[in-house]
Full PDB file with SEQRES, HELIX, SHEET, SSBOND, CRYST1, ORIGX, SCALE, CONECT and MASTER records, all heavy atoms in Angstrom:
SEQRES   1 A   44  PRO SER GLY ARG LEU SER LEU ARG VAL SER GLY PRO PHE          
SEQRES   2 A   44  GLY GLU LEU ILE PRO ASP GLY GLY ASP ASN LEU VAL LEU          
SEQRES   3 A   44  ARG ALA ALA GLY LEU LEU HIS PRO HIS ALA GLY ALA ALA          
SEQRES   4 A   44  LEU ARG LEU GLN LYS                                          
HELIX    1 AA1 GLY A   14  LEU A   16  5                                   3    
HELIX    2 AA2 LEU A   24  LEU A   32  1                                   9    
SHEET    1 AA1 2 LEU A   5  SER A  10  0                                        
SHEET    2 AA1 2 ALA A  38  GLN A  43  1                                        
CRYST1    1.000    1.000    1.000  90.00  90.00  90.00 P 1           1          
ORIGX1      1.000000  0.000000  0.000000        0.00000                         
ORIGX2      0.000000  1.000000  0.000000        0.00000                         
ORIGX3      0.000000  0.000000  1.000000        0.00000                         
SCALE1      1.000000  0.000000  0.000000        0.00000                         
SCALE2      0.000000  1.000000  0.000000        0.00000                         
SCALE3      0.000000  0.000000  1.000000        0.00000                         
ATOM      1  N   PRO A   1       0.833  -1.228   0.014  1.00  0.00           N  
ATOM      2  CA  PRO A   1       0.000  -0.012   0.010  1.00  0.00           C  
ATOM      3  C   PRO A   1       0.843   1.264  -0.001  1.00  0.00           C  
ATOM      4  O   PRO A   1       1.904   1.316   0.624  1.00  0.00           O  
ATOM      5  CB  PRO A   1      -0.799  -0.134   1.323  1.00  0.00           C  
ATOM      6  CG  PRO A   1      -0.779  -1.564   1.628  1.00  0.00           C  
ATOM      7  CD  PRO A   1       0.553  -2.089   1.151  1.00  0.00           C  
ATOM      8  N   SER A   2       0.421   2.242  -0.727  1.00  0.00           N  
ATOM      9  CA  SER A   2       1.099   3.548  -0.813  1.00  0.00           C  
ATOM     10  C   SER A   2       0.162   4.559  -1.374  1.00  0.00           C  
ATOM     11  O   SER A   2      -0.709   4.254  -2.188  1.00  0.00           O  
ATOM     12  CB  SER A   2       2.379   3.463  -1.604  1.00  0.00           C  
ATOM     13  OG  SER A   2       3.034   4.746  -1.754  1.00  0.00           O  
ATOM     14  N   GLY A   3       0.342   5.820  -0.972  1.00  0.00           N  
ATOM     15  CA  GLY A   3      -0.463   6.900  -1.499  1.00  0.00           C  
ATOM     16  C   GLY A   3      -0.024   7.340  -2.887  1.00  0.00           C  
ATOM     17  O   GLY A   3      -0.763   8.074  -3.578  1.00  0.00           O  
ATOM     18  N   ARG A   4       1.106   6.948  -3.326  1.00  0.00           N  
ATOM     19  CA  ARG A   4       1.594   7.302  -4.681  1.00  0.00           C  
ATOM     20  C   ARG A   4       2.151   6.072  -5.345  1.00  0.00           C  
ATOM     21  O   ARG A   4       2.517   5.060  -4.746  1.00  0.00           O  
ATOM     22  CB  ARG A   4       2.652   8.419  -4.594  1.00  0.00           C  
ATOM     23  CG  ARG A   4       3.963   7.984  -3.982  1.00  0.00           C  
ATOM     24  CD  ARG A   4       4.955   9.116  -3.931  1.00  0.00           C  
ATOM     25  NE  ARG A   4       6.253   8.684  -3.484  1.00  0.00           N  
ATOM     26  CZ  ARG A   4       7.202   8.232  -4.299  1.00  0.00           C  
ATOM     27  NH1 ARG A   4       7.015   8.175  -5.607  1.00  0.00           N  
ATOM     28  NH2 ARG A   4       8.387   7.830  -3.837  1.00  0.00           N  
ATOM     29  N   LEU A   5       2.199   6.141  -6.684  1.00  0.00           N  
ATOM     30  CA  LEU A   5       2.725   4.989  -7.435  1.00  0.00           C  
ATOM     31  C   LEU A   5       4.250   5.080  -7.580  1.00  0.00           C  
ATOM     32  O   LEU A   5       4.782   6.148  -7.922  1.00  0.00           O  
ATOM     33  CB  LEU A   5       2.088   5.067  -8.886  1.00  0.00           C  
ATOM     34  CG  LEU A   5       2.423   3.821  -9.792  1.00  0.00           C  
ATOM     35  CD1 LEU A   5       1.828   2.577  -9.188  1.00  0.00           C  
ATOM     36  CD2 LEU A   5       1.862   4.094 -11.187  1.00  0.00           C  
ATOM     37  N   SER A   6       4.924   3.986  -7.259  1.00  0.00           N  
ATOM     38  CA  SER A   6       6.379   3.981  -7.364  1.00  0.00           C  
ATOM     39  C   SER A   6       6.827   2.551  -7.743  1.00  0.00           C  
ATOM     40  O   SER A   6       6.041   1.590  -7.603  1.00  0.00           O  
ATOM     41  CB  SER A   6       7.023   4.363  -6.038  1.00  0.00           C  
ATOM     42  OG  SER A   6       6.678   3.455  -4.971  1.00  0.00           O  
ATOM     43  N   LEU A   7       8.023   2.425  -8.218  1.00  0.00           N  
ATOM     44  CA  LEU A   7       8.604   1.141  -8.566  1.00  0.00           C  
ATOM     45  C   LEU A   7      10.061   1.062  -8.108  1.00  0.00           C  
ATOM     46  O   LEU A   7      10.869   1.973  -8.431  1.00  0.00           O  
ATOM     47  CB  LEU A   7       8.489   0.922 -10.091  1.00  0.00           C  
ATOM     48  CG  LEU A   7       9.194  -0.357 -10.641  1.00  0.00           C  
ATOM     49  CD1 LEU A   7       8.505  -1.599 -10.121  1.00  0.00           C  
ATOM     50  CD2 LEU A   7       9.203  -0.355 -12.179  1.00  0.00           C  
ATOM     51  N   ARG A   8      10.367   0.020  -7.409  1.00  0.00           N  
ATOM     52  CA  ARG A   8      11.782  -0.289  -7.019  1.00  0.00           C  
ATOM     53  C   ARG A   8      12.202  -1.564  -7.732  1.00  0.00           C  
ATOM     54  O   ARG A   8      11.554  -2.585  -7.625  1.00  0.00           O  
ATOM     55  CB  ARG A   8      11.895  -0.428  -5.497  1.00  0.00           C  
ATOM     56  CG  ARG A   8      13.315  -0.788  -5.043  1.00  0.00           C  
ATOM     57  CD  ARG A   8      13.394  -0.715  -3.501  1.00  0.00           C  
ATOM     58  NE  ARG A   8      12.467  -1.621  -2.892  1.00  0.00           N  
ATOM     59  CZ  ARG A   8      12.697  -2.929  -2.629  1.00  0.00           C  
ATOM     60  NH1 ARG A   8      13.833  -3.446  -3.045  1.00  0.00           N  
ATOM     61  NH2 ARG A   8      11.803  -3.689  -2.003  1.00  0.00           N  
ATOM     62  N   VAL A   9      13.339  -1.475  -8.421  1.00  0.00           N  
ATOM     63  CA  VAL A   9      13.865  -2.631  -9.219  1.00  0.00           C  
ATOM     64  C   VAL A   9      15.082  -3.142  -8.569  1.00  0.00           C  
ATOM     65  O   VAL A   9      15.991  -2.399  -8.203  1.00  0.00           O  
ATOM     66  CB  VAL A   9      14.106  -2.208 -10.703  1.00  0.00           C  
ATOM     67  CG1 VAL A   9      14.577  -3.423 -11.486  1.00  0.00           C  
ATOM     68  CG2 VAL A   9      12.849  -1.617 -11.286  1.00  0.00           C  
ATOM     69  N   SER A  10      15.192  -4.511  -8.475  1.00  0.00           N  
ATOM     70  CA  SER A  10      16.367  -5.150  -7.948  1.00  0.00           C  
ATOM     71  C   SER A  10      16.605  -6.394  -8.759  1.00  0.00           C  
ATOM     72  O   SER A  10      15.976  -6.614  -9.807  1.00  0.00           O  
ATOM     73  CB  SER A  10      16.174  -5.499  -6.460  1.00  0.00           C  
ATOM     74  OG  SER A  10      15.100  -6.408  -6.302  1.00  0.00           O  
ATOM     75  N   GLY A  11      17.530  -7.253  -8.271  1.00  0.00           N  
ATOM     76  CA  GLY A  11      17.803  -8.523  -8.971  1.00  0.00           C  
ATOM     77  C   GLY A  11      19.002  -8.469  -9.851  1.00  0.00           C  
ATOM     78  O   GLY A  11      19.523  -7.415 -10.193  1.00  0.00           O  
ATOM     79  N   PRO A  12      19.464  -9.637 -10.368  1.00  0.00           N  
ATOM     80  CA  PRO A  12      20.684  -9.672 -11.153  1.00  0.00           C  
ATOM     81  C   PRO A  12      20.657  -8.899 -12.413  1.00  0.00           C  
ATOM     82  O   PRO A  12      21.721  -8.501 -12.979  1.00  0.00           O  
ATOM     83  CB  PRO A  12      20.860 -11.178 -11.455  1.00  0.00           C  
ATOM     84  CG  PRO A  12      19.545 -11.819 -11.092  1.00  0.00           C  
ATOM     85  CD  PRO A  12      18.900 -10.967 -10.075  1.00  0.00           C  
ATOM     86  N   PHE A  13      19.460  -8.680 -13.007  1.00  0.00           N  
ATOM     87  CA  PHE A  13      19.329  -7.905 -14.236  1.00  0.00           C  
ATOM     88  C   PHE A  13      18.624  -6.521 -14.022  1.00  0.00           C  
ATOM     89  O   PHE A  13      18.239  -5.862 -14.986  1.00  0.00           O  
ATOM     90  CB  PHE A  13      18.640  -8.703 -15.309  1.00  0.00           C  
ATOM     91  CG  PHE A  13      19.397  -9.939 -15.698  1.00  0.00           C  
ATOM     92  CD1 PHE A  13      19.044 -11.165 -15.184  1.00  0.00           C  
ATOM     93  CD2 PHE A  13      20.487  -9.890 -16.565  1.00  0.00           C  
ATOM     94  CE1 PHE A  13      19.735 -12.340 -15.516  1.00  0.00           C  
ATOM     95  CE2 PHE A  13      21.198 -11.054 -16.893  1.00  0.00           C  
ATOM     96  CZ  PHE A  13      20.806 -12.260 -16.395  1.00  0.00           C  
ATOM     97  N   GLY A  14      18.461  -6.174 -12.765  1.00  0.00           N  
ATOM     98  CA  GLY A  14      17.744  -4.954 -12.453  1.00  0.00           C  
ATOM     99  C   GLY A  14      18.347  -3.685 -12.974  1.00  0.00           C  
ATOM    100  O   GLY A  14      17.633  -2.747 -13.308  1.00  0.00           O  
ATOM    101  N   GLU A  15      19.660  -3.597 -13.027  1.00  0.00           N  
ATOM    102  CA  GLU A  15      20.334  -2.403 -13.478  1.00  0.00           C  
ATOM    103  C   GLU A  15      20.144  -2.121 -14.968  1.00  0.00           C  
ATOM    104  O   GLU A  15      20.439  -1.053 -15.437  1.00  0.00           O  
ATOM    105  CB  GLU A  15      21.814  -2.468 -13.153  1.00  0.00           C  
ATOM    106  CG  GLU A  15      22.119  -2.424 -11.657  1.00  0.00           C  
ATOM    107  CD  GLU A  15      23.614  -2.435 -11.348  1.00  0.00           C  
ATOM    108  OE1 GLU A  15      24.387  -2.515 -12.318  1.00  0.00           O  
ATOM    109  OE2 GLU A  15      23.986  -2.310 -10.175  1.00  0.00           O  
ATOM    110  N   LEU A  16      19.641  -3.172 -15.691  1.00  0.00           N  
ATOM    111  CA  LEU A  16      19.524  -3.029 -17.159  1.00  0.00           C  
ATOM    112  C   LEU A  16      18.233  -2.528 -17.610  1.00  0.00           C  
ATOM    113  O   LEU A  16      18.032  -2.361 -18.817  1.00  0.00           O  
ATOM    114  CB  LEU A  16      19.820  -4.401 -17.817  1.00  0.00           C  
ATOM    115  CG  LEU A  16      21.198  -4.978 -17.488  1.00  0.00           C  
ATOM    116  CD1 LEU A  16      21.336  -6.371 -18.148  1.00  0.00           C  
ATOM    117  CD2 LEU A  16      22.347  -4.097 -17.993  1.00  0.00           C  
ATOM    118  N   ILE A  17      17.272  -2.358 -16.712  1.00  0.00           N  
ATOM    119  CA  ILE A  17      15.925  -1.921 -17.167  1.00  0.00           C  
ATOM    120  C   ILE A  17      15.560  -0.616 -16.477  1.00  0.00           C  
ATOM    121  O   ILE A  17      16.015  -0.315 -15.360  1.00  0.00           O  
ATOM    122  CB  ILE A  17      14.906  -3.004 -16.883  1.00  0.00           C  
ATOM    123  CG1 ILE A  17      14.708  -3.249 -15.366  1.00  0.00           C  
ATOM    124  CG2 ILE A  17      15.220  -4.286 -17.590  1.00  0.00           C  
ATOM    125  CD1 ILE A  17      13.566  -4.109 -15.018  1.00  0.00           C  
ATOM    126  N   PRO A  18      14.691   0.192 -17.089  1.00  0.00           N  
ATOM    127  CA  PRO A  18      14.321   1.464 -16.543  1.00  0.00           C  
ATOM    128  C   PRO A  18      13.336   1.266 -15.328  1.00  0.00           C  
ATOM    129  O   PRO A  18      12.571   0.297 -15.330  1.00  0.00           O  
ATOM    130  CB  PRO A  18      13.642   2.207 -17.647  1.00  0.00           C  
ATOM    131  CG  PRO A  18      13.121   1.094 -18.533  1.00  0.00           C  
ATOM    132  CD  PRO A  18      14.067  -0.058 -18.415  1.00  0.00           C  
ATOM    133  N   ASP A  19      13.415   2.180 -14.370  1.00  0.00           N  
ATOM    134  CA  ASP A  19      12.432   2.137 -13.287  1.00  0.00           C  
ATOM    135  C   ASP A  19      11.516   3.336 -13.354  1.00  0.00           C  
ATOM    136  O   ASP A  19      10.732   3.605 -12.432  1.00  0.00           O  
ATOM    137  CB  ASP A  19      13.137   2.089 -11.890  1.00  0.00           C  
ATOM    138  CG  ASP A  19      14.023   3.267 -11.640  1.00  0.00           C  
ATOM    139  OD1 ASP A  19      14.121   4.165 -12.535  1.00  0.00           O  
ATOM    140  OD2 ASP A  19      14.711   3.289 -10.615  1.00  0.00           O  
ATOM    141  N   GLY A  20      11.554   4.043 -14.474  1.00  0.00           N  
ATOM    142  CA  GLY A  20      10.650   5.153 -14.703  1.00  0.00           C  
ATOM    143  C   GLY A  20       9.506   4.804 -15.593  1.00  0.00           C  
ATOM    144  O   GLY A  20       9.099   3.628 -15.740  1.00  0.00           O  
ATOM    145  N   GLY A  21       8.945   5.812 -16.244  1.00  0.00           N  
ATOM    146  CA  GLY A  21       7.688   5.644 -17.009  1.00  0.00           C  
ATOM    147  C   GLY A  21       7.796   4.686 -18.157  1.00  0.00           C  
ATOM    148  O   GLY A  21       6.740   4.259 -18.649  1.00  0.00           O  
ATOM    149  N   ASP A  22       9.007   4.385 -18.664  1.00  0.00           N  
ATOM    150  CA  ASP A  22       9.088   3.458 -19.790  1.00  0.00           C  
ATOM    151  C   ASP A  22       8.994   1.996 -19.368  1.00  0.00           C  
ATOM    152  O   ASP A  22       8.848   1.110 -20.184  1.00  0.00           O  
ATOM    153  CB  ASP A  22      10.448   3.631 -20.493  1.00  0.00           C  
ATOM    154  CG  ASP A  22      10.482   4.906 -21.327  1.00  0.00           C  
ATOM    155  OD1 ASP A  22       9.415   5.454 -21.673  1.00  0.00           O  
ATOM    156  OD2 ASP A  22      11.585   5.415 -21.640  1.00  0.00           O  
ATOM    157  N   ASN A  23       9.042   1.699 -18.039  1.00  0.00           N  
ATOM    158  CA  ASN A  23       8.959   0.379 -17.553  1.00  0.00           C  
ATOM    159  C   ASN A  23       7.512  -0.132 -17.755  1.00  0.00           C  
ATOM    160  O   ASN A  23       6.524   0.492 -17.417  1.00  0.00           O  
ATOM    161  CB  ASN A  23       9.335   0.309 -16.062  1.00  0.00           C  
ATOM    162  CG  ASN A  23       9.444  -1.116 -15.613  1.00  0.00           C  
ATOM    163  OD1 ASN A  23       8.441  -1.834 -15.385  1.00  0.00           O  
ATOM    164  ND2 ASN A  23      10.652  -1.592 -15.424  1.00  0.00           N  
ATOM    165  N   LEU A  24       7.432  -1.369 -18.305  1.00  0.00           N  
ATOM    166  CA  LEU A  24       6.095  -1.907 -18.584  1.00  0.00           C  
ATOM    167  C   LEU A  24       5.214  -2.093 -17.327  1.00  0.00           C  
ATOM    168  O   LEU A  24       3.990  -2.054 -17.443  1.00  0.00           O  
ATOM    169  CB  LEU A  24       6.240  -3.257 -19.329  1.00  0.00           C  
ATOM    170  CG  LEU A  24       6.304  -3.184 -20.886  1.00  0.00           C  
ATOM    171  CD1 LEU A  24       6.484  -4.628 -21.456  1.00  0.00           C  
ATOM    172  CD2 LEU A  24       5.076  -2.553 -21.451  1.00  0.00           C  
ATOM    173  N   VAL A  25       5.860  -2.324 -16.217  1.00  0.00           N  
ATOM    174  CA  VAL A  25       5.058  -2.509 -14.953  1.00  0.00           C  
ATOM    175  C   VAL A  25       4.359  -1.162 -14.643  1.00  0.00           C  
ATOM    176  O   VAL A  25       3.153  -1.194 -14.324  1.00  0.00           O  
ATOM    177  CB  VAL A  25       6.010  -2.907 -13.798  1.00  0.00           C  
ATOM    178  CG1 VAL A  25       5.320  -2.758 -12.447  1.00  0.00           C  
ATOM    179  CG2 VAL A  25       6.488  -4.344 -13.992  1.00  0.00           C  
ATOM    180  N   LEU A  26       5.046  -0.018 -14.724  1.00  0.00           N  
ATOM    181  CA  LEU A  26       4.400   1.245 -14.445  1.00  0.00           C  
ATOM    182  C   LEU A  26       3.436   1.600 -15.555  1.00  0.00           C  
ATOM    183  O   LEU A  26       2.376   2.194 -15.286  1.00  0.00           O  
ATOM    184  CB  LEU A  26       5.470   2.299 -14.349  1.00  0.00           C  
ATOM    185  CG  LEU A  26       6.319   2.296 -13.052  1.00  0.00           C  
ATOM    186  CD1 LEU A  26       7.400   3.371 -13.117  1.00  0.00           C  
ATOM    187  CD2 LEU A  26       5.434   2.470 -11.849  1.00  0.00           C  
ATOM    188  N   ARG A  27       3.736   1.241 -16.765  1.00  0.00           N  
ATOM    189  CA  ARG A  27       2.778   1.484 -17.865  1.00  0.00           C  
ATOM    190  C   ARG A  27       1.498   0.698 -17.659  1.00  0.00           C  
ATOM    191  O   ARG A  27       0.397   1.152 -17.859  1.00  0.00           O  
ATOM    192  CB  ARG A  27       3.377   1.202 -19.216  1.00  0.00           C  
ATOM    193  CG  ARG A  27       4.401   2.163 -19.679  1.00  0.00           C  
ATOM    194  CD  ARG A  27       5.113   1.750 -20.925  1.00  0.00           C  
ATOM    195  NE  ARG A  27       4.175   1.487 -22.029  1.00  0.00           N  
ATOM    196  CZ  ARG A  27       4.515   0.877 -23.151  1.00  0.00           C  
ATOM    197  NH1 ARG A  27       5.757   0.444 -23.353  1.00  0.00           N  
ATOM    198  NH2 ARG A  27       3.571   0.670 -24.066  1.00  0.00           N  
ATOM    199  N   ALA A  28       1.658  -0.519 -17.174  1.00  0.00           N  
ATOM    200  CA  ALA A  28       0.467  -1.427 -16.893  1.00  0.00           C  
ATOM    201  C   ALA A  28      -0.370  -0.780 -15.793  1.00  0.00           C  
ATOM    202  O   ALA A  28      -1.596  -0.734 -15.834  1.00  0.00           O  
ATOM    203  CB  ALA A  28       0.950  -2.813 -16.525  1.00  0.00           C  
ATOM    204  N   ALA A  29       0.338  -0.304 -14.707  1.00  0.00           N  
ATOM    205  CA  ALA A  29      -0.399   0.331 -13.637  1.00  0.00           C  
ATOM    206  C   ALA A  29      -1.175   1.573 -14.112  1.00  0.00           C  
ATOM    207  O   ALA A  29      -2.307   1.800 -13.728  1.00  0.00           O  
ATOM    208  CB  ALA A  29       0.610   0.756 -12.531  1.00  0.00           C  
ATOM    209  N   GLY A  30      -0.530   2.414 -14.985  1.00  0.00           N  
ATOM    210  CA  GLY A  30      -1.196   3.577 -15.445  1.00  0.00           C  
ATOM    211  C   GLY A  30      -2.383   3.265 -16.321  1.00  0.00           C  
ATOM    212  O   GLY A  30      -3.357   3.989 -16.371  1.00  0.00           O  
ATOM    213  N   LEU A  31      -2.259   2.113 -17.060  1.00  0.00           N  
ATOM    214  CA  LEU A  31      -3.367   1.705 -17.928  1.00  0.00           C  
ATOM    215  C   LEU A  31      -4.562   1.261 -17.091  1.00  0.00           C  
ATOM    216  O   LEU A  31      -5.738   1.444 -17.416  1.00  0.00           O  
ATOM    217  CB  LEU A  31      -2.933   0.567 -18.874  1.00  0.00           C  
ATOM    218  CG  LEU A  31      -3.819   0.219 -20.015  1.00  0.00           C  
ATOM    219  CD1 LEU A  31      -3.913   1.313 -21.042  1.00  0.00           C  
ATOM    220  CD2 LEU A  31      -3.330  -1.073 -20.674  1.00  0.00           C  
ATOM    221  N   LEU A  32      -4.262   0.530 -15.972  1.00  0.00           N  
ATOM    222  CA  LEU A  32      -5.326   0.027 -15.119  1.00  0.00           C  
ATOM    223  C   LEU A  32      -6.008   1.094 -14.356  1.00  0.00           C  
ATOM    224  O   LEU A  32      -7.262   1.140 -14.268  1.00  0.00           O  
ATOM    225  CB  LEU A  32      -4.669  -1.020 -14.149  1.00  0.00           C  
ATOM    226  CG  LEU A  32      -5.618  -1.865 -13.296  1.00  0.00           C  
ATOM    227  CD1 LEU A  32      -6.494  -2.763 -14.178  1.00  0.00           C  
ATOM    228  CD2 LEU A  32      -4.798  -2.712 -12.300  1.00  0.00           C  
ATOM    229  N   HIS A  33      -5.215   1.994 -13.742  1.00  0.00           N  
ATOM    230  CA  HIS A  33      -5.863   3.130 -12.993  1.00  0.00           C  
ATOM    231  C   HIS A  33      -4.830   4.275 -12.964  1.00  0.00           C  
ATOM    232  O   HIS A  33      -3.800   4.205 -12.242  1.00  0.00           O  
ATOM    233  CB  HIS A  33      -6.208   2.681 -11.583  1.00  0.00           C  
ATOM    234  CG  HIS A  33      -7.173   3.662 -10.945  1.00  0.00           C  
ATOM    235  ND1 HIS A  33      -6.854   4.935 -10.613  1.00  0.00           N  
ATOM    236  CD2 HIS A  33      -8.464   3.455 -10.567  1.00  0.00           C  
ATOM    237  CE1 HIS A  33      -7.883   5.519 -10.082  1.00  0.00           C  
ATOM    238  NE2 HIS A  33      -8.895   4.661 -10.034  1.00  0.00           N  
ATOM    239  N   PRO A  34      -5.008   5.319 -13.759  1.00  0.00           N  
ATOM    240  CA  PRO A  34      -3.992   6.382 -13.938  1.00  0.00           C  
ATOM    241  C   PRO A  34      -3.708   7.210 -12.685  1.00  0.00           C  
ATOM    242  O   PRO A  34      -2.687   7.892 -12.654  1.00  0.00           O  
ATOM    243  CB  PRO A  34      -4.548   7.198 -15.051  1.00  0.00           C  
ATOM    244  CG  PRO A  34      -6.010   6.985 -15.044  1.00  0.00           C  
ATOM    245  CD  PRO A  34      -6.234   5.557 -14.579  1.00  0.00           C  
ATOM    246  N   HIS A  35      -4.551   7.152 -11.649  1.00  0.00           N  
ATOM    247  CA  HIS A  35      -4.365   8.098 -10.544  1.00  0.00           C  
ATOM    248  C   HIS A  35      -4.235   7.391  -9.190  1.00  0.00           C  
ATOM    249  O   HIS A  35      -4.176   8.076  -8.157  1.00  0.00           O  
ATOM    250  CB  HIS A  35      -5.518   9.078 -10.483  1.00  0.00           C  
ATOM    251  CG  HIS A  35      -5.741   9.842 -11.739  1.00  0.00           C  
ATOM    252  ND1 HIS A  35      -4.767  10.654 -12.294  1.00  0.00           N  
ATOM    253  CD2 HIS A  35      -6.787   9.848 -12.580  1.00  0.00           C  
ATOM    254  CE1 HIS A  35      -5.244  11.185 -13.438  1.00  0.00           C  
ATOM    255  NE2 HIS A  35      -6.432  10.675 -13.641  1.00  0.00           N  
ATOM    256  N   ALA A  36      -4.161   6.080  -9.148  1.00  0.00           N  
ATOM    257  CA  ALA A  36      -4.045   5.334  -7.882  1.00  0.00           C  
ATOM    258  C   ALA A  36      -2.646   5.097  -7.444  1.00  0.00           C  
ATOM    259  O   ALA A  36      -1.721   5.194  -8.285  1.00  0.00           O  
ATOM    260  CB  ALA A  36      -4.794   3.983  -8.003  1.00  0.00           C  
ATOM    261  N   GLY A  37      -2.400   4.856  -6.170  1.00  0.00           N  
ATOM    262  CA  GLY A  37      -1.052   4.699  -5.692  1.00  0.00           C  
ATOM    263  C   GLY A  37      -0.804   3.271  -5.225  1.00  0.00           C  
ATOM    264  O   GLY A  37      -1.720   2.542  -4.825  1.00  0.00           O  
ATOM    265  N   ALA A  38       0.442   2.857  -5.292  1.00  0.00           N  
ATOM    266  CA  ALA A  38       0.902   1.576  -4.822  1.00  0.00           C  
ATOM    267  C   ALA A  38       2.423   1.550  -4.876  1.00  0.00           C  
ATOM    268  O   ALA A  38       3.012   2.206  -5.770  1.00  0.00           O  
ATOM    269  CB  ALA A  38       0.368   0.371  -5.647  1.00  0.00           C  
ATOM    270  N   ALA A  39       3.072   0.890  -3.965  1.00  0.00           N  
ATOM    271  CA  ALA A  39       4.523   0.720  -4.006  1.00  0.00           C  
ATOM    272  C   ALA A  39       4.865  -0.627  -4.628  1.00  0.00           C  
ATOM    273  O   ALA A  39       4.603  -1.658  -4.072  1.00  0.00           O  
ATOM    274  CB  ALA A  39       5.117   0.816  -2.591  1.00  0.00           C  
ATOM    275  N   LEU A  40       5.308  -0.594  -5.890  1.00  0.00           N  
ATOM    276  CA  LEU A  40       5.614  -1.798  -6.650  1.00  0.00           C  
ATOM    277  C   LEU A  40       7.102  -2.106  -6.548  1.00  0.00           C  
ATOM    278  O   LEU A  40       7.936  -1.204  -6.424  1.00  0.00           O  
ATOM    279  CB  LEU A  40       5.257  -1.588  -8.107  1.00  0.00           C  
ATOM    280  CG  LEU A  40       3.746  -1.518  -8.408  1.00  0.00           C  
ATOM    281  CD1 LEU A  40       3.544  -0.806  -9.746  1.00  0.00           C  
ATOM    282  CD2 LEU A  40       3.090  -2.882  -8.405  1.00  0.00           C  
ATOM    283  N   ARG A  41       7.463  -3.393  -6.529  1.00  0.00           N  
ATOM    284  CA  ARG A  41       8.804  -3.825  -6.585  1.00  0.00           C  
ATOM    285  C   ARG A  41       8.967  -4.921  -7.616  1.00  0.00           C  
ATOM    286  O   ARG A  41       8.025  -5.762  -7.782  1.00  0.00           O  
ATOM    287  CB  ARG A  41       9.305  -4.247  -5.172  1.00  0.00           C  
ATOM    288  CG  ARG A  41       8.558  -5.456  -4.622  1.00  0.00           C  
ATOM    289  CD  ARG A  41       8.985  -5.727  -3.177  1.00  0.00           C  
ATOM    290  NE  ARG A  41       8.310  -6.863  -2.643  1.00  0.00           N  
ATOM    291  CZ  ARG A  41       7.092  -6.824  -2.081  1.00  0.00           C  
ATOM    292  NH1 ARG A  41       6.466  -5.705  -1.960  1.00  0.00           N  
ATOM    293  NH2 ARG A  41       6.556  -7.939  -1.610  1.00  0.00           N  
ATOM    294  N   LEU A  42      10.055  -4.937  -8.303  1.00  0.00           N  
ATOM    295  CA  LEU A  42      10.361  -5.910  -9.310  1.00  0.00           C  
ATOM    296  C   LEU A  42      11.743  -6.468  -9.077  1.00  0.00           C  
ATOM    297  O   LEU A  42      12.719  -5.775  -9.117  1.00  0.00           O  
ATOM    298  CB  LEU A  42      10.254  -5.233 -10.713  1.00  0.00           C  
ATOM    299  CG  LEU A  42      10.812  -6.045 -11.912  1.00  0.00           C  
ATOM    300  CD1 LEU A  42       9.982  -7.341 -12.097  1.00  0.00           C  
ATOM    301  CD2 LEU A  42      10.757  -5.169 -13.209  1.00  0.00           C  
ATOM    302  N   GLN A  43      11.781  -7.793  -8.871  1.00  0.00           N  
ATOM    303  CA  GLN A  43      13.076  -8.474  -8.816  1.00  0.00           C  
ATOM    304  C   GLN A  43      13.324  -9.099 -10.171  1.00  0.00           C  
ATOM    305  O   GLN A  43      12.659 -10.076 -10.561  1.00  0.00           O  
ATOM    306  CB  GLN A  43      13.040  -9.569  -7.719  1.00  0.00           C  
ATOM    307  CG  GLN A  43      14.400 -10.326  -7.609  1.00  0.00           C  
ATOM    308  CD  GLN A  43      14.326 -11.335  -6.471  1.00  0.00           C  
ATOM    309  OE1 GLN A  43      13.951 -11.005  -5.361  1.00  0.00           O  
ATOM    310  NE2 GLN A  43      14.797 -12.541  -6.797  1.00  0.00           N  
ATOM    311  N   LYS A  44      14.282  -8.582 -10.882  1.00  0.00           N  
ATOM    312  CA  LYS A  44      14.501  -8.950 -12.277  1.00  0.00           C  
ATOM    313  C   LYS A  44      15.502 -10.084 -12.379  1.00  0.00           C  
ATOM    314  O   LYS A  44      16.730  -9.858 -12.318  1.00  0.00           O  
ATOM    315  CB  LYS A  44      15.016  -7.729 -13.056  1.00  0.00           C  
ATOM    316  CG  LYS A  44      14.999  -7.877 -14.600  1.00  0.00           C  
ATOM    317  CD  LYS A  44      13.581  -7.986 -15.069  1.00  0.00           C  
ATOM    318  CE  LYS A  44      13.516  -8.309 -16.583  1.00  0.00           C  
ATOM    319  NZ  LYS A  44      12.183  -8.719 -16.997  1.00  0.00           N  
TER     320      LYS A  44                                                      
MASTER        0    0    0    2    2    0    0    6  319    1    0    4          
END                                                                             
């Protein structure tokens, strides 16, 4: 739970992918609900 949308990326390939708006996880979140919040994490 979080009041704003964020993404934290980790894992062996985490440094190779964006954690900003180009990341598909954040794009998926924006498509589902553009104004809701959640703290997302991705272990790559």
